C-alpha atoms as a PDB file:
ATOM      1  CA  MET A   1      11.326 124.497 173.795  1.00  0.00           C
ATOM      2  CA  LYS A   2       9.387 121.709 172.529  1.00  0.00           C
ATOM      3  CA  GLN A   3       6.673 120.366 174.903  1.00  0.00           C
ATOM      4  CA  TYR A   4       6.515 116.576 174.556  1.00  0.00           C
ATOM      5  CA  GLY A   5       3.249 115.101 175.602  1.00  0.00           C
ATOM      6  CA  LYS A   6       2.504 112.826 178.438  1.00  0.00           C
ATOM      7  CA  SER A   7       0.208 109.524 178.852  1.00  0.00           C
ATOM      8  CA  ILE A   8      -1.526 109.374 182.793  1.00  0.00           C
ATOM      9  CA  ARG A   9      -2.519 105.924 183.839  1.00  0.00           C
ATOM     10  CA  ILE A  10      -5.198 106.000 186.500  1.00  0.00           C
ATOM     11  CA  PHE A  11      -6.604 102.984 188.074  1.00  0.00           C
ATOM     12  CA  LEU A  12     -10.220 102.435 189.833  1.00  0.00           C
ATOM     13  CA  PRO A  13      -9.641 100.044 192.478  1.00  0.00           C
ATOM     14  CA  ASP A  14     -13.473  99.651 192.588  1.00  0.00           C
ATOM     15  CA  ALA A  15     -14.685 101.395 189.323  1.00  0.00           C
ATOM     16  CA  ARG A  16     -15.629 104.111 190.859  1.00  0.00           C
ATOM     17  CA  VAL A  17     -14.613 107.988 189.773  1.00  0.00           C
ATOM     18  CA  THR A  18     -15.411 109.313 193.376  1.00  0.00           C
ATOM     19  CA  GLY A  19     -13.377 106.759 195.501  1.00  0.00           C
ATOM     20  CA  LEU A  20      -9.720 105.932 195.634  1.00  0.00           C
ATOM     21  CA  ARG A  21      -7.512 106.752 192.153  1.00  0.00           C
ATOM     22  CA  HIS A  22      -4.073 105.713 191.919  1.00  0.00           C
ATOM     23  CA  ALA A  23      -2.448 107.536 188.873  1.00  0.00           C
ATOM     24  CA  GLU A  24       1.007 106.849 187.806  1.00  0.00           C
ATOM     25  CA  ILE A  25       2.898 108.426 183.964  1.00  0.00           C
ATOM     26  CA  ILE A  26       4.571 105.433 182.541  1.00  0.00           C
ATOM     27  CA  ASN A  27       8.759 105.165 182.909  1.00  0.00           C
ATOM     28  CA  ARG A  28       8.231 107.628 185.731  1.00  0.00           C
ATOM     29  CA  THR A  29       8.656 106.976 189.447  1.00  0.00           C
ATOM     30  CA  GLY A  30       6.386 109.177 190.967  1.00  0.00           C
ATOM     31  CA  GLN A  31       2.789 108.314 191.565  1.00  0.00           C
ATOM     32  CA  ALA A  32      -0.196 109.718 193.355  1.00  0.00           C
ATOM     33  CA  ILE A  33      -3.480 108.246 195.718  1.00  0.00           C
ATOM     34  CA  ALA A  34      -6.623 110.292 195.817  1.00  0.00           C
ATOM     35  CA  CYS A  35      -8.883 109.516 198.833  1.00  0.00           C
ATOM     36  CA  PRO A  36     -11.708 110.839 199.849  1.00  0.00           C
ATOM     37  CA  ARG A  37     -11.938 111.454 203.815  1.00  0.00           C
ATOM     38  CA  SER A  38     -14.176 108.800 204.242  1.00  0.00           C
ATOM     39  CA  ARG A  39     -12.496 106.155 203.219  1.00  0.00           C
ATOM     40  CA  LEU A  40      -9.341 106.924 205.167  1.00  0.00           C
ATOM     41  CA  ASP A  41      -8.990 103.036 206.798  1.00  0.00           C
ATOM     42  CA  GLU A  42      -8.505 102.197 203.279  1.00  0.00           C
ATOM     43  CA  LEU A  43      -4.741 103.333 203.026  1.00  0.00           C
ATOM     44  CA  LYS A  44      -3.690 100.824 204.952  1.00  0.00           C
ATOM     45  CA  GLU A  45      -4.268  98.635 202.495  1.00  0.00           C
ATOM     46  CA  TRP A  46      -2.035 100.596 200.122  1.00  0.00           C
ATOM     47  CA  PRO A  47       2.028 100.439 201.050  1.00  0.00           C
ATOM     48  CA  GLU A  48       2.347 103.715 198.493  1.00  0.00           C
ATOM     49  CA  THR A  49       0.866 105.808 201.226  1.00  0.00           C
ATOM     50  CA  ALA A  50       2.966 104.448 204.114  1.00  0.00           C
ATOM     51  CA  LYS A  51       6.290 105.467 203.046  1.00  0.00           C
ATOM     52  CA  PRO A  52       7.966 109.542 202.357  1.00  0.00           C
ATOM     53  CA  GLY A  53       5.488 112.117 200.302  1.00  0.00           C
ATOM     54  CA  VAL A  54       3.858 115.380 200.449  1.00  0.00           C
ATOM     55  CA  TYR A  55       0.405 115.516 200.344  1.00  0.00           C
ATOM     56  CA  PHE A  56      -2.766 117.900 199.995  1.00  0.00           C
ATOM     57  CA  LEU A  57      -5.783 118.433 201.518  1.00  0.00           C
ATOM     58  CA  PHE A  58      -8.611 119.880 199.684  1.00  0.00           C
ATOM     59  CA  GLU A  59     -11.857 121.425 200.946  1.00  0.00           C
ATOM     60  CA  ALA A  60     -15.152 120.609 198.458  1.00  0.00           C
ATOM     61  CA  ARG A  61     -15.745 123.921 196.463  1.00  0.00           C
ATOM     62  CA  LEU A  62     -18.757 125.228 197.573  1.00  0.00           C
ATOM     63  CA  GLY A  63     -20.056 128.606 196.042  1.00  0.00           C
ATOM     64  CA  ASP A  64     -17.859 130.971 194.719  1.00  0.00           C
ATOM     65  CA  SER A  65     -15.463 131.143 197.668  1.00  0.00           C
ATOM     66  CA  LYS A  66     -11.420 130.010 197.259  1.00  0.00           C
ATOM     67  CA  PRO A  67     -11.860 126.421 198.426  1.00  0.00           C
ATOM     68  CA  LEU A  68      -9.329 125.320 201.099  1.00  0.00           C
ATOM     69  CA  ALA A  69      -6.384 123.685 201.059  1.00  0.00           C
ATOM     70  CA  TYR A  70      -3.237 122.251 203.086  1.00  0.00           C
ATOM     71  CA  ILE A  71       0.353 120.792 201.720  1.00  0.00           C
ATOM     72  CA  GLY A  72       2.252 118.655 204.495  1.00  0.00           C
ATOM     73  CA  GLU A  73       4.945 115.933 203.952  1.00  0.00           C
ATOM     74  CA  SER A  74       5.880 113.541 206.147  1.00  0.00           C
ATOM     75  CA  GLU A  75       7.561 109.947 206.793  1.00  0.00           C
ATOM     76  CA  ASN A  76       4.557 107.372 207.013  1.00  0.00           C
ATOM     77  CA  VAL A  77       1.764 110.008 205.086  1.00  0.00           C
ATOM     78  CA  ALA A  78      -0.694 107.854 206.101  1.00  0.00           C
ATOM     79  CA  ASP A  79      -0.159 107.964 209.842  1.00  0.00           C
ATOM     80  CA  ARG A  80      -0.083 111.451 209.531  1.00  0.00           C
ATOM     81  CA  LEU A  81      -3.536 112.062 208.058  1.00  0.00           C
ATOM     82  CA  LEU A  82      -5.125 110.039 210.660  1.00  0.00           C
ATOM     83  CA  SER A  83      -4.167 113.183 213.464  1.00  0.00           C
ATOM     84  CA  HIS A  84      -5.058 115.358 210.118  1.00  0.00           C
ATOM     85  CA  ASP A  85      -8.469 113.670 210.235  1.00  0.00           C
ATOM     86  CA  ARG A  86      -8.765 114.315 213.890  1.00  0.00           C
ATOM     87  CA  GLU A  87      -7.012 118.072 214.016  1.00  0.00           C
ATOM     88  CA  LYS A  88      -8.953 119.612 210.491  1.00  0.00           C
ATOM     89  CA  ASP A  89     -12.831 120.105 210.015  1.00  0.00           C
ATOM     90  CA  PHE A  90     -12.188 121.613 206.152  1.00  0.00           C
ATOM     91  CA  TRP A  91     -11.448 119.294 204.052  1.00  0.00           C
ATOM     92  CA  ASN A  92     -12.720 116.384 202.234  1.00  0.00           C
ATOM     93  CA  GLU A  93     -10.430 114.803 199.999  1.00  0.00           C
ATOM     94  CA  VAL A  94      -6.548 114.057 200.166  1.00  0.00           C
ATOM     95  CA  VAL A  95      -4.212 113.399 197.235  1.00  0.00           C
ATOM     96  CA  ILE A  96      -0.875 111.548 198.045  1.00  0.00           C
ATOM     97  CA  PHE A  97       1.966 111.473 195.842  1.00  0.00           C
ATOM     98  CA  SER A  98       5.097 109.165 196.753  1.00  0.00           C
ATOM     99  CA  SER A  99       7.953 107.391 194.692  1.00  0.00           C
ATOM    100  CA  LYS A 100       7.618 104.028 193.430  1.00  0.00           C
ATOM    101  CA  ASP A 101      11.231 103.333 194.564  1.00  0.00           C
ATOM    102  CA  ASP A 102      10.725 104.828 197.284  1.00  0.00           C
ATOM    103  CA  ASN A 103      13.891 107.031 196.950  1.00  0.00           C
ATOM    104  CA  LEU A 104      12.855 110.016 198.758  1.00  0.00           C
ATOM    105  CA  SER A 105      14.357 111.202 202.045  1.00  0.00           C
ATOM    106  CA  LYS A 106      13.389 113.901 204.398  1.00  0.00           C
ATOM    107  CA  SER A 107      15.463 116.420 202.665  1.00  0.00           C
ATOM    108  CA  HIS A 108      13.741 115.659 199.634  1.00  0.00           C
ATOM    109  CA  ILE A 109      10.094 116.002 200.949  1.00  0.00           C
ATOM    110  CA  LYS A 110      11.168 118.992 202.966  1.00  0.00           C
ATOM    111  CA  TYR A 111      11.907 120.883 199.107  1.00  0.00           C
ATOM    112  CA  LEU A 112       8.900 119.544 197.694  1.00  0.00           C
ATOM    113  CA  GLU A 113       6.420 120.668 200.198  1.00  0.00           C
ATOM    114  CA  ALA A 114       8.563 124.344 200.096  1.00  0.00           C
ATOM    115  CA  LYS A 115       8.210 124.262 196.499  1.00  0.00           C
ATOM    116  CA  LEU A 116       4.421 123.313 196.054  1.00  0.00           C
ATOM    117  CA  GLU A 117       3.225 125.840 198.895  1.00  0.00           C
ATOM    118  CA  SER A 118       5.060 128.581 197.213  1.00  0.00           C
ATOM    119  CA  ARG A 119       3.848 127.708 193.863  1.00  0.00           C
ATOM    120  CA  ALA A 120       0.382 127.528 195.189  1.00  0.00           C
ATOM    121  CA  LYS A 121       0.428 130.971 196.626  1.00  0.00           C
ATOM    122  CA  ASN A 122       1.418 132.156 193.387  1.00  0.00           C
ATOM    123  CA  ALA A 123      -1.518 130.648 191.108  1.00  0.00           C
ATOM    124  CA  ALA A 124      -3.889 131.981 193.621  1.00  0.00           C
ATOM    125  CA  ARG A 125      -6.713 129.536 193.158  1.00  0.00           C
ATOM    126  CA  TYR A 126      -6.887 128.097 196.734  1.00  0.00           C
ATOM    127  CA  ALA A 127      -6.505 130.041 200.160  1.00  0.00           C
ATOM    128  CA  LEU A 128      -4.136 127.910 202.041  1.00  0.00           C
ATOM    129  CA  LYS A 129      -4.714 126.290 205.996  1.00  0.00           C
ATOM    130  CA  ASN A 130      -1.146 126.260 206.175  1.00  0.00           C
ATOM    131  CA  GLY A 131       0.793 128.374 209.100  1.00  0.00           C
ATOM    132  CA  ASN A 132       4.732 128.669 208.664  1.00  0.00           C
ATOM    133  CA  THR A 133       6.141 128.815 205.557  1.00  0.00           C
ATOM    134  CA  PRO A 134       8.396 125.722 205.123  1.00  0.00           C
ATOM    135  CA  LYS A 135      12.063 126.228 204.497  1.00  0.00           C
ATOM    136  CA  GLN A 136      13.592 124.724 201.633  1.00  0.00           C
ATOM    137  CA  SER A 137      15.921 122.094 202.017  1.00  0.00           C
ATOM    138  CA  SER A 138      19.557 121.768 200.382  1.00  0.00           C
ATOM    139  CA  LEU A 139      20.103 119.445 198.112  1.00  0.00           C
ATOM    140  CA  SER A 140      22.791 118.461 195.481  1.00  0.00           C
ATOM    141  CA  ARG A 141      22.447 119.647 191.909  1.00  0.00           C
ATOM    142  CA  ALA A 142      21.268 116.211 190.580  1.00  0.00           C
ATOM    143  CA  GLU A 143      18.808 116.389 193.417  1.00  0.00           C
ATOM    144  CA  TYR A 144      17.670 119.378 192.777  1.00  0.00           C
ATOM    145  CA  GLU A 145      17.066 118.000 188.991  1.00  0.00           C
ATOM    146  CA  SER A 146      15.425 115.247 189.841  1.00  0.00           C
ATOM    147  CA  MET A 147      12.732 116.527 192.697  1.00  0.00           C
ATOM    148  CA  ASP A 148      12.209 119.266 189.563  1.00  0.00           C
ATOM    149  CA  GLU A 149      11.110 116.654 187.781  1.00  0.00           C
ATOM    150  CA  LEU A 150       8.637 115.089 190.114  1.00  0.00           C
ATOM    151  CA  LEU A 151       7.264 118.395 190.747  1.00  0.00           C
ATOM    152  CA  GLU A 152       6.169 119.057 187.432  1.00  0.00           C
ATOM    153  CA  ASP A 153       4.516 115.405 187.251  1.00  0.00           C
ATOM    154  CA  ILE A 154       2.944 116.514 190.767  1.00  0.00           C
ATOM    155  CA  ARG A 155       1.241 119.589 188.931  1.00  0.00           C
ATOM    156  CA  LEU A 156       0.076 117.430 186.200  1.00  0.00           C
ATOM    157  CA  PHE A 157      -1.317 114.635 188.455  1.00  0.00           C
ATOM    158  CA  LEU A 158      -3.093 117.058 190.365  1.00  0.00           C
ATOM    159  CA  GLY A 159      -4.481 118.916 187.253  1.00  0.00           C
ATOM    160  CA  VAL A 160      -5.970 115.758 185.911  1.00  0.00           C
ATOM    161  CA  LEU A 161      -7.404 114.531 189.300  1.00  0.00           C
ATOM    162  CA  GLY A 162      -9.551 117.616 189.061  1.00  0.00           C
ATOM    163  CA  TYR A 163      -7.139 120.261 191.455  1.00  0.00           C
ATOM    164  CA  PRO A 164      -5.438 123.136 189.477  1.00  0.00           C
ATOM    165  CA  ILE A 165      -3.550 124.262 192.550  1.00  0.00           C
ATOM    166  CA  LEU A 166      -0.799 125.033 191.034  1.00  0.00           C
ATOM    167  CA  GLU A 167      -1.776 126.096 187.552  1.00  0.00           C
ATOM    168  CA  PRO A 168      -1.682 129.831 187.156  1.00  0.00           C
ATOM    169  CA  LEU A 169      -4.669 131.216 185.998  1.00  0.00           C
ATOM    170  CA  ILE A 170      -2.956 133.345 183.191  1.00  0.00           C
ATOM    171  CA  LYS A 171       0.203 130.666 181.979  1.00  0.00           C
ATOM    172  CA  PRO A 172       3.955 132.431 182.136  1.00  0.00           C
ATOM    173  CA  SER A 173       4.504 131.720 178.695  1.00  0.00           C
ATOM    174  CA  CYS A 174       1.280 133.803 177.459  1.00  0.00           C
ATOM    175  CA  ALA A 175       2.668 136.903 179.680  1.00  0.00           C
ATOM    176  CA  GLN A 176       5.695 136.546 178.037  1.00  0.00           C
ATOM    177  CA  LEU A 177       4.354 136.362 174.432  1.00  0.00           C
ATOM    178  CA  ILE A 178       2.602 139.291 175.307  1.00  0.00           C
ATOM    179  CA  ASP A 179       5.702 141.279 177.113  1.00  0.00           C
ATOM    180  CA  THR A 180       7.920 140.945 174.163  1.00  0.00           C
ATOM    181  CA  GLY A 181       5.217 141.880 171.486  1.00  0.00           C
ATOM    182  CA  VAL A 182       5.032 138.398 169.511  1.00  0.00           C
ATOM    183  CA  VAL A 183       1.260 137.615 168.577  1.00  0.00           C
ATOM    184  CA  ILE A 184       0.184 133.945 169.166  1.00  0.00           C
ATOM    185  CA  SER A 185      -0.256 132.374 165.837  1.00  0.00           C
ATOM    186  CA  GLU A 186      -4.125 131.182 164.912  1.00  0.00           C
ATOM    187  CA  THR A 187      -5.463 131.754 168.506  1.00  0.00           C
ATOM    188  CA  LEU A 188      -6.243 134.131 170.806  1.00  0.00           C
ATOM    189  CA  THR A 189      -5.362 132.670 173.624  1.00  0.00           C
ATOM    190  CA  GLY A 190      -2.739 134.859 176.237  1.00  0.00           C
ATOM    191  CA  ARG A 191      -3.471 138.039 174.236  1.00  0.00           C
ATOM    192  CA  GLU A 192      -3.969 141.206 176.175  1.00  0.00           C
ATOM    193  CA  LEU A 193      -8.170 142.885 175.838  1.00  0.00           C
ATOM    194  CA  PHE A 194      -9.435 145.900 177.205  1.00  0.00           C
ATOM    195  CA  PHE A 195     -13.115 146.625 177.710  1.00  0.00           C
ATOM    196  CA  ASN A 196     -13.343 150.389 178.787  1.00  0.00           C
ATOM    197  CA  GLY A 197     -16.052 152.668 179.581  1.00  0.00           C
ATOM    198  CA  ARG A 198     -18.143 155.125 181.697  1.00  0.00           C
ATOM    199  CA  GLY A 199     -16.840 154.480 184.984  1.00  0.00           C
ATOM    200  CA  PHE A 200     -14.755 151.299 184.351  1.00  0.00           C
ATOM    201  CA  SER A 201     -11.546 150.127 182.604  1.00  0.00           C
ATOM    202  CA  ALA A 202     -10.541 146.440 182.606  1.00  0.00           C
ATOM    203  CA  ARG A 203      -7.964 144.162 181.451  1.00  0.00           C
ATOM    204  CA  GLY A 204      -8.777 140.286 180.312  1.00  0.00           C
ATOM    205  CA  VAL A 205      -6.926 137.341 178.727  1.00  0.00           C
ATOM    206  CA  GLN A 206      -8.526 134.342 177.159  1.00  0.00           C
ATOM    207  CA  THR A 207      -7.515 131.214 178.366  1.00  0.00           C
ATOM    208  CA  ASP A 208      -8.326 127.282 177.876  1.00  0.00           C
ATOM    209  CA  GLU A 209     -10.140 127.325 180.844  1.00  0.00           C
ATOM    210  CA  GLY A 210     -12.252 130.687 180.111  1.00  0.00           C
ATOM    211  CA  PHE A 211     -11.584 134.475 179.960  1.00  0.00           C
ATOM    212  CA  VAL A 212      -9.555 135.984 182.808  1.00  0.00           C
ATOM    213  CA  LEU A 213     -10.215 139.532 184.563  1.00  0.00           C
ATOM    214  CA  LYS A 214      -6.977 140.982 185.648  1.00  0.00           C
ATOM    215  CA  LYS A 215      -5.814 142.215 188.540  1.00  0.00           C
ATOM    216  CA  ASN A 216      -6.712 145.906 189.016  1.00  0.00           C
ATOM    217  CA  SER A 217      -9.696 146.085 186.782  1.00  0.00           C
ATOM    218  CA  THR A 218     -12.178 148.335 187.378  1.00  0.00           C
ATOM    219  CA  MET A 219     -15.800 147.819 187.104  1.00  0.00           C
ATOM    220  CA  THR A 220     -19.159 149.668 188.040  1.00  0.00           C
ATOM    221  CA  ALA A 221     -20.209 149.794 191.375  1.00  0.00           C
ATOM    222  CA  LYS A 222     -23.797 149.355 190.066  1.00  0.00           C
ATOM    223  CA  ASN A 223     -25.772 146.807 188.854  1.00  0.00           C
ATOM    224  CA  ASN A 224     -28.432 147.160 186.278  1.00  0.00           C
ATOM    225  CA  LEU A 225     -31.252 145.315 186.018  1.00  0.00           C
ATOM    226  CA  SER A 226     -30.660 143.327 183.047  1.00  0.00           C
ATOM    227  CA  LEU A 227     -27.562 141.474 184.919  1.00  0.00           C
ATOM    228  CA  SER A 228     -27.755 138.137 185.750  1.00  0.00           C
ATOM    229  CA  ASP A 229     -28.574 136.827 189.423  1.00  0.00           C
ATOM    230  CA  ARG A 230     -25.315 134.831 188.997  1.00  0.00           C
ATOM    231  CA  LEU A 231     -23.642 137.587 188.440  1.00  0.00           C
ATOM    232  CA  VAL A 232     -24.644 140.196 191.192  1.00  0.00           C
ATOM    233  CA  LYS A 233     -24.050 137.366 193.746  1.00  0.00           C
ATOM    234  CA  LEU A 234     -20.459 136.573 192.703  1.00  0.00           C
ATOM    235  CA  LYS A 235     -19.601 140.224 192.945  1.00  0.00           C
ATOM    236  CA  GLU A 236     -21.158 140.480 196.419  1.00  0.00           C
ATOM    237  CA  GLN A 237     -18.934 137.680 197.299  1.00  0.00           C
ATOM    238  CA  LEU A 238     -15.761 138.757 195.786  1.00  0.00           C
ATOM    239  CA  ILE A 239     -16.504 142.337 198.204  1.00  0.00           C
ATOM    240  CA  ALA A 240     -17.423 139.636 201.395  1.00  0.00           C
ATOM    241  CA  ASP A 241     -13.879 138.415 201.139  1.00  0.00           C
ATOM    242  CA  GLY A 242     -11.902 140.981 200.006  1.00  0.00           C
ATOM    243  CA  ARG A 243     -11.205 140.522 196.281  1.00  0.00           C
ATOM    244  CA  LEU A 244     -13.307 143.037 195.444  1.00  0.00           C
ATOM    245  CA  LEU A 245     -12.585 146.922 196.443  1.00  0.00           C
ATOM    246  CA  THR A 246     -14.956 149.747 196.979  1.00  0.00           C
ATOM    247  CA  GLU A 247     -12.826 152.778 195.670  1.00  0.00           C
ATOM    248  CA  GLU A 248     -15.098 156.066 195.266  1.00  0.00           C
ATOM    249  CA  ASN A 249     -17.368 155.454 192.336  1.00  0.00           C
ATOM    250  CA  HIS A 250     -16.144 151.746 190.961  1.00  0.00           C
ATOM    251  CA  LEU A 251     -14.347 148.686 192.655  1.00  0.00           C
ATOM    252  CA  ARG A 252     -11.066 147.139 192.012  1.00  0.00           C
ATOM    253  CA  LEU A 253     -10.061 143.419 191.309  1.00  0.00           C
ATOM    254  CA  THR A 254      -7.219 142.473 193.638  1.00  0.00           C
ATOM    255  CA  GLU A 255      -6.638 139.523 191.803  1.00  0.00           C
ATOM    256  CA  ASP A 256      -7.116 137.357 188.629  1.00  0.00           C
ATOM    257  CA  ILE A 257     -10.064 136.259 188.384  1.00  0.00           C
ATOM    258  CA  LEU A 258     -11.704 133.589 186.062  1.00  0.00           C
ATOM    259  CA  MET A 259     -14.754 133.780 184.755  1.00  0.00           C
ATOM    260  CA  SER A 260     -16.589 131.196 182.361  1.00  0.00           C
ATOM    261  CA  SER A 261     -16.462 134.022 178.934  1.00  0.00           C
ATOM    262  CA  SER A 262     -16.037 136.843 177.648  1.00  0.00           C
ATOM    263  CA  SER A 263     -19.154 137.861 177.745  1.00  0.00           C
ATOM    264  CA  TYR A 264     -19.818 136.926 181.160  1.00  0.00           C
ATOM    265  CA  ALA A 265     -16.750 138.927 182.169  1.00  0.00           C
ATOM    266  CA  ALA A 266     -17.768 141.929 179.902  1.00  0.00           C
ATOM    267  CA  SER A 267     -21.405 141.869 181.720  1.00  0.00           C
ATOM    268  CA  PHE A 268     -19.498 141.291 185.670  1.00  0.00           C
ATOM    269  CA  ILE A 269     -17.466 144.604 184.478  1.00  0.00           C
ATOM    270  CA  ALA A 270     -20.059 146.541 183.167  1.00  0.00           C
ATOM    271  CA  GLY A 271     -22.998 145.431 185.486  1.00  0.00           C
ATOM    272  CA  SER A 272     -25.358 145.151 182.883  1.00  0.00           C
ATOM    273  CA  SER A 273     -25.543 142.369 179.817  1.00  0.00           C
ATOM    274  CA  ARG A 274     -23.028 142.407 177.249  1.00  0.00           C
ATOM    275  CA  SER A 275     -21.851 140.826 174.210  1.00  0.00           C
ATOM    276  CA  GLY A 276     -18.455 139.256 175.118  1.00  0.00           C
ATOM    277  CA  PRO A 277     -17.296 139.716 171.666  1.00  0.00           C
ATOM    278  CA  GLN A 278     -18.318 142.993 170.784  1.00  0.00           C
ATOM    279  CA  SER A 279     -17.028 144.755 174.066  1.00  0.00           C
ATOM    280  CA  TRP A 280     -13.596 143.529 174.665  1.00  0.00           C
ATOM    281  CA  CYS A 281     -11.122 145.071 172.274  1.00  0.00           C
ATOM    282  CA  ALA A 282      -7.181 144.302 171.299  1.00  0.00           C
ATOM    283  CA  GLU A 283      -4.541 147.181 171.663  1.00  0.00           C
ATOM    284  CA  ASN A 284      -5.011 148.196 168.280  1.00  0.00           C
ATOM    285  CA  GLY A 285      -8.737 148.985 168.876  1.00  0.00           C
ATOM    286  CA  LYS A 286     -10.283 145.710 166.946  1.00  0.00           C
ATOM    287  CA  ALA A 287     -12.830 143.912 168.496  1.00  0.00           C
ATOM    288  CA  LEU A 288     -12.636 139.959 170.117  1.00  0.00           C
ATOM    289  CA  LYS A 289     -15.515 139.078 167.348  1.00  0.00           C
ATOM    290  CA  GLU A 290     -13.396 140.672 164.713  1.00  0.00           C
ATOM    291  CA  LEU A 291     -10.300 139.045 165.607  1.00  0.00           C
ATOM    292  CA  GLU A 292     -12.213 135.704 166.045  1.00  0.00           C
ATOM    293  CA  ASP A 293     -13.278 135.996 162.843  1.00  0.00           C
ATOM    294  CA  GLN A 294     -10.205 136.959 161.041  1.00  0.00           C
ATOM    295  CA  ILE A 295      -8.821 133.843 162.770  1.00  0.00           C
ATOM    296  CA  ALA A 296     -11.240 131.461 160.906  1.00  0.00           C
ATOM    297  CA  ARG A 297     -10.746 133.078 158.216  1.00  0.00           C
ATOM    298  CA  GLY A 298      -7.295 131.708 158.248  1.00  0.00           C
ATOM    299  CA  GLY A 299      -5.424 135.010 158.560  1.00  0.00           C
END
């Protein structure tokens, strides 16, 4: 299915990229407003926030821990945020979504909240502070279609505003192509790679964001002096928050982890400085460097 490009217009009312931002897609009814917690009082000047909608509370990314987030809905988001300002301490910015044509009902926003929480959990990029799982509202077929279209807009808004909370580390389309044996032409994005050695066995995938180490990959428990302090600290952090489990003489990942490069990922797995292009191999045994050179030559 052909994917069409999108143009998102972002308005900065005071020309500050860290201040309030209003985003919209041309010829679509959805809109987003991002606001720092320190400037909540300014939302009273934005009628877009005093109407039914859904919102995300985001914690600033600190260190290597998963940042926190909360997903909610309200028939008057601005009023609801005042209670969060008193009751929830973790967040520093809110992103609000509403409709320009005022056609969102309570059932609509409850449906959106349930779907957004489910997608955020599946993507597993943030640790959600939500308590109870919201129930999905019953809608007509036409309303389902309309809300699912708005969900796609919300995903785009969040990513452009710097919060890819709904984006899987490995896109489903890539996984489906791998499972069916189709090789993605002229790119290595989404192709599963392997790195095996004494005491470890890892799988990974290159993506637009970097290199993803896949769940259940194993790595050495010991670190060589050549391993960077940054990676040593990352390993300690992942052990502390349960994303790395100690098993016999190795460590095992409990979820997918995004790394900046194939070399960073290979060093992390081996516990010593490694070259990613020379360490990672395709299922046919060809090294990543060989595959990259082949693509660069056009075949």
